[in-house]
Amino acid sequence: MRVLVGAFSVILAFVAMIQSCASGVMTVVDLSNFGSAMAIMILCILFVIAGILALAGNSSRVALTFAAIFYTIAGVVVLIAGNWIWAIISFVFAIIMIYYVAKPINN
C-alpha cells in the first residue's frame, strides 16, 4: 500500500501540474485565480518529493515520516488556497504514511 501511495502521488503530481497550467492560462484572463495555481504548483513539488520518499524508503521510518510531513504541508498549503479535493487527498496520503510509521515491525 505504501508503494502504491508513492507511485500514485507521483502520477497525481503530473495531473495537478496540468491543472495548474490550465489555471495559469485562466489567470491571464482573470487575475483572481493566481493563488490557487501557485498552491497547486507547490503541491506538485511536495507530492513528487513525498512520493519518491515513500517509494525509496524501504521500511525506513524516517523516510516515511518525512513523506507524511511533506503530504501534510501540501495539504495545508492547498487548504489555505481553497482546494478542498487536493487537501483531502494530501491528508489521506499523510494518514497512510503515519500508519506505516506507527505499525510495529514484524521480525
Protein backbone atom coordinates (compact mmCIF):
# COMPACT_ATOMS: atom_id res chain seq x y z
CA MET A 1 0.00 0.00 0.00
CA ARG A 2 2.88 2.34 0.84
CA VAL A 3 4.45 1.79 -2.60
CA LEU A 4 1.07 2.29 -4.27
CA VAL A 5 0.59 5.62 -2.49
CA GLY A 6 4.09 6.72 -3.50
CA ALA A 7 3.56 5.85 -7.16
CA PHE A 8 0.05 7.29 -7.17
CA SER A 9 1.26 10.59 -5.69
CA VAL A 10 3.89 11.00 -8.42
CA ILE A 11 1.20 10.38 -11.06
CA LEU A 12 -1.18 12.79 -9.33
CA ALA A 13 1.58 15.41 -9.23
CA PHE A 14 1.65 15.43 -13.02
CA VAL A 15 -2.15 15.62 -13.17
CA ALA A 16 -2.06 18.55 -10.75
CA MET A 17 0.65 20.20 -12.83
CA ILE A 18 -1.58 20.06 -15.90
CA GLN A 19 -4.44 21.50 -13.84
CA SER A 20 -2.15 24.25 -12.60
CA CYS A 21 -1.08 25.12 -16.13
CA ALA A 22 -4.72 25.38 -17.19
CA SER A 23 -5.40 27.51 -14.15
CA GLY A 24 -2.42 29.68 -15.06
CA VAL A 25 -3.87 30.27 -18.51
CA MET A 26 -7.13 31.36 -16.90
CA THR A 27 -5.16 33.69 -14.62
CA VAL A 28 -4.15 35.66 -17.70
CA VAL A 29 -7.83 36.27 -18.41
CA ASP A 30 -9.00 36.72 -14.81
CA LEU A 31 -6.41 37.60 -12.16
CA SER A 32 -8.47 36.21 -9.27
CA ASN A 33 -7.11 32.65 -9.52
CA PHE A 34 -3.35 33.24 -9.09
CA GLY A 35 -3.07 31.91 -5.53
CA SER A 36 -4.76 28.66 -6.44
CA ALA A 37 -2.39 28.00 -9.33
CA MET A 38 0.66 28.64 -7.15
CA ALA A 39 -0.70 26.40 -4.39
CA ILE A 40 -1.14 23.56 -6.86
CA MET A 41 2.42 24.03 -8.15
CA ILE A 42 3.71 23.79 -4.58
CA LEU A 43 1.53 20.69 -4.15
CA CYS A 44 3.14 19.15 -7.24
CA ILE A 45 6.64 19.67 -5.90
CA LEU A 46 5.76 18.30 -2.47
CA PHE A 47 3.88 15.31 -3.93
CA VAL A 48 6.88 14.34 -6.06
CA ILE A 49 9.24 14.62 -3.07
CA ALA A 50 6.91 12.66 -0.78
CA GLY A 51 6.23 10.05 -3.47
CA ILE A 52 9.93 9.47 -4.02
CA LEU A 53 10.48 9.17 -0.28
CA ALA A 54 7.61 6.69 0.01
CA LEU A 55 8.94 4.63 -2.90
CA ALA A 56 12.63 4.73 -1.98
CA GLY A 57 12.25 4.39 1.78
CA ASN A 58 12.24 0.62 2.16
CA SER A 59 10.56 0.28 5.56
CA SER A 60 12.55 3.30 6.76
CA ARG A 61 10.54 5.06 9.40
CA VAL A 62 12.49 8.28 8.86
CA ALA A 63 11.69 8.37 5.12
CA LEU A 64 8.03 7.61 5.76
CA THR A 65 7.88 10.27 8.48
CA PHE A 66 9.28 12.88 6.12
CA ALA A 67 6.85 11.73 3.42
CA ALA A 68 3.98 12.21 5.88
CA ILE A 69 5.32 15.68 6.75
CA PHE A 70 5.51 16.67 3.07
CA TYR A 71 1.98 15.37 2.43
CA THR A 72 0.71 17.34 5.44
CA ILE A 73 2.44 20.54 4.32
CA ALA A 74 0.99 20.09 0.83
CA GLY A 75 -2.47 19.59 2.33
CA VAL A 76 -2.22 22.73 4.45
CA VAL A 77 -0.98 24.82 1.50
CA VAL A 78 -3.81 23.81 -0.81
CA LEU A 79 -6.36 24.01 2.01
CA ILE A 80 -5.42 27.64 2.59
CA ALA A 81 -5.81 28.28 -1.16
CA GLY A 82 -9.27 26.69 -1.08
CA ASN A 83 -8.64 23.47 -3.00
CA TRP A 84 -10.52 21.01 -0.80
CA ILE A 85 -10.13 17.97 -3.04
CA TRP A 86 -6.34 18.18 -3.18
CA ALA A 87 -6.21 18.86 0.56
CA ILE A 88 -8.26 15.75 1.35
CA ILE A 89 -6.07 13.61 -0.92
CA SER A 90 -2.93 15.01 0.74
CA PHE A 91 -4.22 14.37 4.25
CA VAL A 92 -5.32 10.82 3.36
CA PHE A 93 -1.84 10.09 1.99
CA ALA A 94 -0.31 11.57 5.17
CA ILE A 95 -2.51 9.38 7.35
CA ILE A 96 -1.48 6.29 5.38
CA MET A 97 2.20 7.17 5.83
CA ILE A 98 1.68 7.78 9.56
CA TYR A 99 0.00 4.38 9.81
CA TYR A 100 3.07 2.71 8.32
CA VAL A 101 5.36 4.66 10.65
CA ALA A 102 3.34 3.59 13.71
CA LYS A 103 2.88 -0.01 12.53
CA PRO A 104 5.05 -2.39 14.57
CA ILE A 105 7.88 -4.09 12.70
CA ASN A 106 7.43 -7.86 12.47
CA ASN A 107 10.69 -9.75 12.90
